[in-house]
């Protein structure tokens, strides 16, 4: 596989950080934002139940998901699942 040229590696994985640093790359960590609230499982659960999910993702992400029919695609995928997705737990924190 080919990778375009890059100047910085962004990772929080210790092994990736070590390997890229040893190879001479500049490595920076990624700041996590309210990880207990921004749960993909929780967002997908909201989508599947027909509840508001747009406020849980950046506006550009919500637009893109709508543009590609992401909610419908997710519903179609879960229709064929033999095991239904578990009920997502509510996030530990609510946004202000």
C-alpha atoms as a PDB file:
ATOM      1  CA  UNK A   1       0.000   0.000   0.000  1.00  0.00           C
ATOM      2  CA  UNK A   2       1.113   3.527  -0.688  1.00  0.00           C
ATOM      3  CA  UNK A   3       0.800   6.357   1.773  1.00  0.00           C
ATOM      4  CA  UNK A   4       1.064  10.018   0.846  1.00  0.00           C
ATOM      5  CA  UNK A   5       3.950  11.958   2.335  1.00  0.00           C
ATOM      6  CA  UNK A   6       3.306  13.196   5.856  1.00  0.00           C
ATOM      7  CA  UNK A   7       5.164  15.261   8.431  1.00  0.00           C
ATOM      8  CA  UNK A   8       3.467  14.301  11.694  1.00  0.00           C
ATOM      9  CA  UNK A   9       2.004  11.096  13.100  1.00  0.00           C
ATOM     10  CA  UNK A  10      -0.982  11.513  15.434  1.00  0.00           C
ATOM     11  CA  UNK A  11      -1.472   8.599  17.809  1.00  0.00           C
ATOM     12  CA  UNK A  12      -2.042   7.751  21.446  1.00  0.00           C
ATOM     13  CA  UNK A  13      -1.033   4.133  21.000  1.00  0.00           C
ATOM     14  CA  UNK A  14       2.244   3.558  22.888  1.00  0.00           C
ATOM     15  CA  UNK A  15       3.669   1.058  20.400  1.00  0.00           C
ATOM     16  CA  UNK A  16       2.846   3.190  17.355  1.00  0.00           C
ATOM     17  CA  UNK A  17       4.293   6.221  19.122  1.00  0.00           C
ATOM     18  CA  UNK A  18       7.534   4.382  19.882  1.00  0.00           C
ATOM     19  CA  UNK A  19       7.941   2.880  16.409  1.00  0.00           C
ATOM     20  CA  UNK A  20       7.298   6.117  14.534  1.00  0.00           C
ATOM     21  CA  UNK A  21       9.518   8.119  16.893  1.00  0.00           C
ATOM     22  CA  UNK A  22      12.339   5.584  16.463  1.00  0.00           C
ATOM     23  CA  UNK A  23      11.898   5.895  12.693  1.00  0.00           C
ATOM     24  CA  UNK A  24      12.474   9.640  13.008  1.00  0.00           C
ATOM     25  CA  UNK A  25       8.915  10.924  12.653  1.00  0.00           C
ATOM     26  CA  UNK A  26       7.429  13.711  14.728  1.00  0.00           C
ATOM     27  CA  UNK A  27       4.701  12.128  16.880  1.00  0.00           C
ATOM     28  CA  UNK A  28       1.883  13.990  18.626  1.00  0.00           C
ATOM     29  CA  UNK A  29      -0.878  12.748  20.880  1.00  0.00           C
ATOM     30  CA  UNK A  30      -4.557  13.180  20.182  1.00  0.00           C
ATOM     31  CA  UNK A  31      -6.638  15.096  22.701  1.00  0.00           C
ATOM     32  CA  UNK A  32      -9.775  13.190  23.619  1.00  0.00           C
ATOM     33  CA  UNK A  33     -12.980  15.163  24.024  1.00  0.00           C
ATOM     34  CA  UNK A  34     -15.539  13.898  26.535  1.00  0.00           C
ATOM     35  CA  UNK A  35     -15.033  10.269  25.560  1.00  0.00           C
ATOM     36  CA  UNK A  36     -17.619   9.088  28.080  1.00  0.00           C
ATOM     37  CA  UNK A  37     -20.243  11.105  26.236  1.00  0.00           C
ATOM     38  CA  UNK A  38     -19.205  10.654  22.621  1.00  0.00           C
ATOM     39  CA  UNK A  39     -19.767   6.921  22.310  1.00  0.00           C
ATOM     40  CA  UNK A  40     -20.300   5.483  18.824  1.00  0.00           C
ATOM     41  CA  UNK A  41     -22.429   2.682  20.302  1.00  0.00           C
ATOM     42  CA  UNK A  42     -24.661   5.262  21.962  1.00  0.00           C
ATOM     43  CA  UNK A  43     -24.959   7.337  18.767  1.00  0.00           C
ATOM     44  CA  UNK A  44     -25.813   4.255  16.672  1.00  0.00           C
ATOM     45  CA  UNK A  45     -28.403   3.232  19.254  1.00  0.00           C
ATOM     46  CA  UNK A  46     -30.039   6.651  18.972  1.00  0.00           C
ATOM     47  CA  UNK A  47     -30.072   6.327  15.180  1.00  0.00           C
ATOM     48  CA  UNK A  48     -31.673   2.883  15.311  1.00  0.00           C
ATOM     49  CA  UNK A  49     -34.373   4.052  17.742  1.00  0.00           C
ATOM     50  CA  UNK A  50     -35.165   7.107  15.613  1.00  0.00           C
ATOM     51  CA  UNK A  51     -34.038   9.482  18.348  1.00  0.00           C
ATOM     52  CA  UNK A  52     -32.071  12.709  17.965  1.00  0.00           C
ATOM     53  CA  UNK A  53     -28.395  11.890  17.385  1.00  0.00           C
ATOM     54  CA  UNK A  54     -27.258  14.903  15.382  1.00  0.00           C
ATOM     55  CA  UNK A  55     -26.295  16.891  18.482  1.00  0.00           C
ATOM     56  CA  UNK A  56     -23.851  14.117  19.448  1.00  0.00           C
ATOM     57  CA  UNK A  57     -21.607  14.539  16.401  1.00  0.00           C
ATOM     58  CA  UNK A  58     -20.013  17.535  14.664  1.00  0.00           C
ATOM     59  CA  UNK A  59     -22.367  19.266  12.199  1.00  0.00           C
ATOM     60  CA  UNK A  60     -20.219  18.219   9.225  1.00  0.00           C
ATOM     61  CA  UNK A  61     -20.427  14.573  10.313  1.00  0.00           C
ATOM     62  CA  UNK A  62     -24.225  14.752  10.671  1.00  0.00           C
ATOM     63  CA  UNK A  63     -24.506  16.284   7.185  1.00  0.00           C
ATOM     64  CA  UNK A  64     -22.308  13.575   5.689  1.00  0.00           C
ATOM     65  CA  UNK A  65     -24.200  10.744   7.393  1.00  0.00           C
ATOM     66  CA  UNK A  66     -27.455  12.177   6.040  1.00  0.00           C
ATOM     67  CA  UNK A  67     -25.934  12.702   2.583  1.00  0.00           C
ATOM     68  CA  UNK A  68     -24.926   9.040   2.261  1.00  0.00           C
ATOM     69  CA  UNK A  69     -28.102   7.695   3.884  1.00  0.00           C
ATOM     70  CA  UNK A  70     -26.107   6.459   6.853  1.00  0.00           C
ATOM     71  CA  UNK A  71     -29.047   5.896   9.194  1.00  0.00           C
ATOM     72  CA  UNK A  72     -30.888   3.832   6.588  1.00  0.00           C
ATOM     73  CA  UNK A  73     -27.722   1.869   5.855  1.00  0.00           C
ATOM     74  CA  UNK A  74     -27.290   1.138   9.557  1.00  0.00           C
ATOM     75  CA  UNK A  75     -30.910  -0.013   9.839  1.00  0.00           C
ATOM     76  CA  UNK A  76     -30.484  -2.270   6.807  1.00  0.00           C
ATOM     77  CA  UNK A  77     -27.331  -3.795   8.281  1.00  0.00           C
ATOM     78  CA  UNK A  78     -29.020  -4.581  11.577  1.00  0.00           C
ATOM     79  CA  UNK A  79     -32.000  -6.210   9.816  1.00  0.00           C
ATOM     80  CA  UNK A  80     -29.740  -9.012   8.649  1.00  0.00           C
ATOM     81  CA  UNK A  81     -28.003  -9.490  11.999  1.00  0.00           C
ATOM     82  CA  UNK A  82     -28.855 -12.786  13.667  1.00  0.00           C
ATOM     83  CA  UNK A  83     -28.080 -11.229  17.017  1.00  0.00           C
ATOM     84  CA  UNK A  84     -29.724  -7.893  17.595  1.00  0.00           C
ATOM     85  CA  UNK A  85     -27.465  -5.103  18.871  1.00  0.00           C
ATOM     86  CA  UNK A  86     -27.457  -4.723  22.630  1.00  0.00           C
ATOM     87  CA  UNK A  87     -29.197  -1.755  24.117  1.00  0.00           C
ATOM     88  CA  UNK A  88     -26.581   0.999  24.398  1.00  0.00           C
ATOM     89  CA  UNK A  89     -26.003   2.389  27.839  1.00  0.00           C
ATOM     90  CA  UNK A  90     -26.576   6.061  28.382  1.00  0.00           C
ATOM     91  CA  UNK A  91     -23.388   8.104  28.469  1.00  0.00           C
ATOM     92  CA  UNK A  92     -21.845   8.809  31.830  1.00  0.00           C
ATOM     93  CA  UNK A  93     -21.966  12.550  31.228  1.00  0.00           C
ATOM     94  CA  UNK A  94     -24.526  14.758  29.552  1.00  0.00           C
ATOM     95  CA  UNK A  95     -23.499  17.847  27.619  1.00  0.00           C
ATOM     96  CA  UNK A  96     -24.219  21.171  29.335  1.00  0.00           C
END
